[in-house]
Amino acid sequence: MTTKIPLIKHHPSKQLLEQHIQGQLSLSLSIAVAAHIELCPHCQQLEASLTPKIADISWSQCQNKTNDLNQDLKVDALFCCNVK
């Protein structure tokens, strides 16, 4: 009878995983986290649950910035005039 001994004893923190998903880590640290995720079923599940949540937040922030930009352009248009 063989017993599976888990080789991975330590995991990246949730904050580190979130930064990895957001692309905020340095290249070397991102590679290390990606390699860990590739080998760790626990972190694969955590990444799979965090990614859609982070994507939704990012999308909402992007939409808000677009709305702000559109409003700024409307205001700017009110002040633009060709004076001859």
N, C-alpha and C. Protein backbone atom coordinates (compact mmCIF):
# COMPACT_ATOMS: atom_id res chain seq x y z
N MET A 1 0.83 -1.17 0.00
CA MET A 1 0.00 0.00 0.00
C MET A 1 0.89 1.25 0.00
N THR A 2 0.64 2.14 -0.95
CA THR A 2 1.42 3.38 -1.01
C THR A 2 0.61 4.52 -0.43
N THR A 3 1.29 5.36 0.28
CA THR A 3 0.65 6.54 0.86
C THR A 3 1.16 7.77 0.14
N LYS A 4 0.23 8.61 -0.29
CA LYS A 4 0.62 9.85 -0.95
C LYS A 4 1.06 10.86 0.10
N ILE A 5 2.26 11.35 -0.06
CA ILE A 5 2.77 12.38 0.84
C ILE A 5 2.78 13.69 0.07
N PRO A 6 2.01 14.67 0.54
CA PRO A 6 1.98 15.94 -0.18
C PRO A 6 3.35 16.61 -0.13
N LEU A 7 3.82 17.01 -1.30
CA LEU A 7 5.13 17.65 -1.37
C LEU A 7 5.05 19.14 -1.07
N ILE A 8 3.91 19.74 -1.28
CA ILE A 8 3.76 21.17 -1.08
C ILE A 8 3.31 21.42 0.35
N LYS A 9 4.14 22.13 1.08
CA LYS A 9 3.85 22.41 2.48
C LYS A 9 3.38 23.85 2.70
N HIS A 10 3.75 24.75 1.81
CA HIS A 10 3.41 26.15 1.97
C HIS A 10 2.71 26.66 0.71
N HIS A 11 1.81 27.59 0.90
CA HIS A 11 1.04 28.14 -0.20
C HIS A 11 1.16 29.66 -0.22
N PRO A 12 1.03 30.26 -1.41
CA PRO A 12 1.00 31.73 -1.47
C PRO A 12 -0.24 32.23 -0.73
N SER A 13 -0.12 33.40 -0.15
CA SER A 13 -1.28 33.99 0.55
C SER A 13 -2.35 34.36 -0.48
N LYS A 14 -3.56 34.56 0.02
CA LYS A 14 -4.66 34.97 -0.86
C LYS A 14 -4.31 36.29 -1.53
N GLN A 15 -3.69 37.21 -0.78
CA GLN A 15 -3.30 38.51 -1.33
C GLN A 15 -2.29 38.33 -2.48
N LEU A 16 -1.33 37.44 -2.30
CA LEU A 16 -0.34 37.20 -3.34
C LEU A 16 -1.01 36.59 -4.58
N LEU A 17 -1.94 35.67 -4.38
CA LEU A 17 -2.67 35.09 -5.51
C LEU A 17 -3.47 36.16 -6.25
N GLU A 18 -4.13 37.05 -5.49
CA GLU A 18 -4.89 38.12 -6.11
C GLU A 18 -3.98 39.04 -6.93
N GLN A 19 -2.82 39.38 -6.39
CA GLN A 19 -1.88 40.22 -7.13
C GLN A 19 -1.39 39.51 -8.38
N HIS A 20 -1.21 38.20 -8.30
CA HIS A 20 -0.79 37.42 -9.47
C HIS A 20 -1.88 37.47 -10.55
N ILE A 21 -3.12 37.27 -10.14
CA ILE A 21 -4.23 37.28 -11.09
C ILE A 21 -4.36 38.65 -11.75
N GLN A 22 -4.11 39.71 -10.98
CA GLN A 22 -4.22 41.08 -11.50
C GLN A 22 -3.00 41.50 -12.31
N GLY A 23 -1.97 40.65 -12.36
CA GLY A 23 -0.76 40.98 -13.11
C GLY A 23 0.09 42.04 -12.44
N GLN A 24 0.06 42.09 -11.12
CA GLN A 24 0.77 43.13 -10.38
C GLN A 24 2.11 42.67 -9.81
N LEU A 25 2.50 41.42 -10.05
CA LEU A 25 3.75 40.91 -9.49
C LEU A 25 4.90 41.09 -10.46
N SER A 26 6.10 41.11 -9.92
CA SER A 26 7.28 41.13 -10.78
C SER A 26 7.31 39.82 -11.57
N LEU A 27 8.04 39.82 -12.66
CA LEU A 27 8.09 38.64 -13.52
C LEU A 27 8.58 37.41 -12.76
N SER A 28 9.63 37.56 -11.97
CA SER A 28 10.19 36.40 -11.26
C SER A 28 9.21 35.84 -10.24
N LEU A 29 8.55 36.70 -9.50
CA LEU A 29 7.58 36.24 -8.50
C LEU A 29 6.34 35.66 -9.18
N SER A 30 5.94 36.25 -10.29
CA SER A 30 4.80 35.74 -11.04
C SER A 30 5.07 34.33 -11.56
N ILE A 31 6.27 34.09 -12.02
CA ILE A 31 6.65 32.75 -12.50
C ILE A 31 6.61 31.75 -11.35
N ALA A 32 7.11 32.16 -10.18
CA ALA A 32 7.10 31.26 -9.02
C ALA A 32 5.68 30.92 -8.59
N VAL A 33 4.81 31.92 -8.55
CA VAL A 33 3.41 31.68 -8.16
C VAL A 33 2.72 30.81 -9.21
N ALA A 34 2.94 31.09 -10.49
CA ALA A 34 2.33 30.29 -11.56
C ALA A 34 2.79 28.83 -11.48
N ALA A 35 4.08 28.62 -11.20
CA ALA A 35 4.59 27.25 -11.07
C ALA A 35 3.93 26.54 -9.89
N HIS A 36 3.77 27.26 -8.79
CA HIS A 36 3.11 26.67 -7.62
C HIS A 36 1.67 26.28 -7.97
N ILE A 37 0.96 27.19 -8.59
CA ILE A 37 -0.45 26.92 -8.95
C ILE A 37 -0.54 25.70 -9.87
N GLU A 38 0.40 25.59 -10.78
CA GLU A 38 0.40 24.47 -11.72
C GLU A 38 0.49 23.13 -10.99
N LEU A 39 1.17 23.11 -9.85
CA LEU A 39 1.41 21.86 -9.13
C LEU A 39 0.48 21.65 -7.93
N CYS A 40 -0.32 22.64 -7.58
CA CYS A 40 -1.10 22.57 -6.34
C CYS A 40 -2.60 22.62 -6.61
N PRO A 41 -3.30 21.52 -6.44
CA PRO A 41 -4.75 21.50 -6.67
C PRO A 41 -5.51 22.49 -5.77
N HIS A 42 -5.06 22.66 -4.54
CA HIS A 42 -5.72 23.61 -3.63
C HIS A 42 -5.65 25.02 -4.20
N CYS A 43 -4.49 25.46 -4.64
CA CYS A 43 -4.33 26.81 -5.17
C CYS A 43 -4.98 26.96 -6.56
N GLN A 44 -5.06 25.86 -7.30
CA GLN A 44 -5.78 25.90 -8.58
C GLN A 44 -7.25 26.23 -8.34
N GLN A 45 -7.84 25.61 -7.32
CA GLN A 45 -9.24 25.87 -7.00
C GLN A 45 -9.42 27.30 -6.50
N LEU A 46 -8.49 27.76 -5.68
CA LEU A 46 -8.58 29.12 -5.16
C LEU A 46 -8.45 30.13 -6.29
N GLU A 47 -7.51 29.90 -7.19
CA GLU A 47 -7.34 30.79 -8.34
C GLU A 47 -8.60 30.79 -9.21
N ALA A 48 -9.17 29.61 -9.42
CA ALA A 48 -10.37 29.51 -10.25
C ALA A 48 -11.55 30.26 -9.63
N SER A 49 -11.62 30.31 -8.32
CA SER A 49 -12.73 31.05 -7.68
C SER A 49 -12.44 32.55 -7.60
N LEU A 50 -11.18 32.93 -7.47
CA LEU A 50 -10.83 34.35 -7.37
C LEU A 50 -10.86 35.07 -8.72
N THR A 51 -10.47 34.40 -9.78
CA THR A 51 -10.34 35.04 -11.08
C THR A 51 -11.63 35.72 -11.56
N PRO A 52 -12.79 35.05 -11.54
CA PRO A 52 -14.00 35.74 -11.99
C PRO A 52 -14.37 36.95 -11.12
N LYS A 53 -14.14 36.84 -9.82
CA LYS A 53 -14.45 37.96 -8.91
C LYS A 53 -13.57 39.17 -9.23
N ILE A 54 -12.29 38.91 -9.42
CA ILE A 54 -11.36 39.99 -9.73
C ILE A 54 -11.66 40.58 -11.10
N ALA A 55 -12.04 39.72 -12.05
CA ALA A 55 -12.39 40.21 -13.39
C ALA A 55 -13.62 41.11 -13.33
N ASP A 56 -14.61 40.73 -12.54
CA ASP A 56 -15.82 41.55 -12.40
C ASP A 56 -15.49 42.91 -11.80
N ILE A 57 -14.65 42.93 -10.78
CA ILE A 57 -14.25 44.19 -10.15
C ILE A 57 -13.50 45.06 -11.16
N SER A 58 -12.57 44.46 -11.88
CA SER A 58 -11.80 45.21 -12.88
C SER A 58 -12.71 45.77 -13.96
N TRP A 59 -13.68 44.97 -14.40
CA TRP A 59 -14.61 45.42 -15.44
C TRP A 59 -15.44 46.59 -14.94
N SER A 60 -15.92 46.49 -13.70
CA SER A 60 -16.71 47.58 -13.12
C SER A 60 -15.90 48.87 -13.04
N GLN A 61 -14.65 48.75 -12.62
CA GLN A 61 -13.78 49.93 -12.54
C GLN A 61 -13.55 50.52 -13.92
N CYS A 62 -13.39 49.67 -14.91
CA CYS A 62 -13.18 50.14 -16.29
C CYS A 62 -14.43 50.86 -16.79
N GLN A 63 -15.60 50.31 -16.51
CA GLN A 63 -16.86 50.93 -16.94
C GLN A 63 -17.03 52.30 -16.28
N ASN A 64 -16.69 52.40 -14.99
CA ASN A 64 -16.80 53.67 -14.28
C ASN A 64 -15.88 54.71 -14.90
N LYS A 65 -14.67 54.31 -15.26
CA LYS A 65 -13.72 55.24 -15.87
C LYS A 65 -14.22 55.69 -17.24
N THR A 66 -14.84 54.77 -17.98
CA THR A 66 -15.38 55.12 -19.29
C THR A 66 -16.52 56.12 -19.13
N ASN A 67 -17.38 55.90 -18.15
CA ASN A 67 -18.47 56.84 -17.89
C ASN A 67 -17.93 58.20 -17.50
N ASP A 68 -16.90 58.23 -16.66
CA ASP A 68 -16.29 59.49 -16.26
C ASP A 68 -15.69 60.21 -17.47
N LEU A 69 -15.04 59.45 -18.34
CA LEU A 69 -14.44 60.04 -19.53
C LEU A 69 -15.52 60.62 -20.44
N ASN A 70 -16.60 59.87 -20.64
CA ASN A 70 -17.69 60.36 -21.48
C ASN A 70 -18.30 61.64 -20.91
N GLN A 71 -18.47 61.68 -19.60
CA GLN A 71 -19.00 62.89 -18.96
C GLN A 71 -18.03 64.06 -19.15
N ASP A 72 -16.74 63.81 -18.98
CA ASP A 72 -15.73 64.86 -19.17
C ASP A 72 -15.76 65.39 -20.60
N LEU A 73 -15.93 64.49 -21.56
CA LEU A 73 -15.96 64.92 -22.96
C LEU A 73 -17.19 65.78 -23.24
N LYS A 74 -18.33 65.44 -22.62
CA LYS A 74 -19.53 66.25 -22.79
C LYS A 74 -19.33 67.65 -22.21
N VAL A 75 -18.73 67.73 -21.05
CA VAL A 75 -18.47 69.02 -20.42
C VAL A 75 -17.48 69.82 -21.26
N ASP A 76 -16.43 69.16 -21.73
CA ASP A 76 -15.44 69.83 -22.57
C ASP A 76 -16.09 70.40 -23.83
N ALA A 77 -17.02 69.64 -24.38
CA ALA A 77 -17.68 70.09 -25.62
C ALA A 77 -18.48 71.38 -25.38
N LEU A 78 -18.98 71.56 -24.19
CA LEU A 78 -19.73 72.78 -23.87
C LEU A 78 -18.83 74.02 -23.86
N PHE A 79 -17.57 73.82 -23.58
CA PHE A 79 -16.64 74.95 -23.48
C PHE A 79 -15.85 75.19 -24.75
N CYS A 80 -15.94 74.30 -25.70
CA CYS A 80 -15.20 74.48 -26.95
C CYS A 80 -16.02 75.31 -27.93
N CYS A 81 -15.39 76.27 -28.45
CA CYS A 81 -16.06 77.05 -29.50
C CYS A 81 -14.99 77.65 -30.41
N ASN A 82 -15.34 77.83 -31.62
CA ASN A 82 -14.41 78.42 -32.58
C ASN A 82 -14.71 79.91 -32.67
N VAL A 83 -13.89 80.69 -32.05
CA VAL A 83 -14.06 82.14 -32.09
C VAL A 83 -13.21 82.66 -33.22
N LYS A 84 -13.84 83.41 -34.11
CA LYS A 84 -13.11 83.95 -35.26
C LYS A 84 -12.96 85.42 -35.14
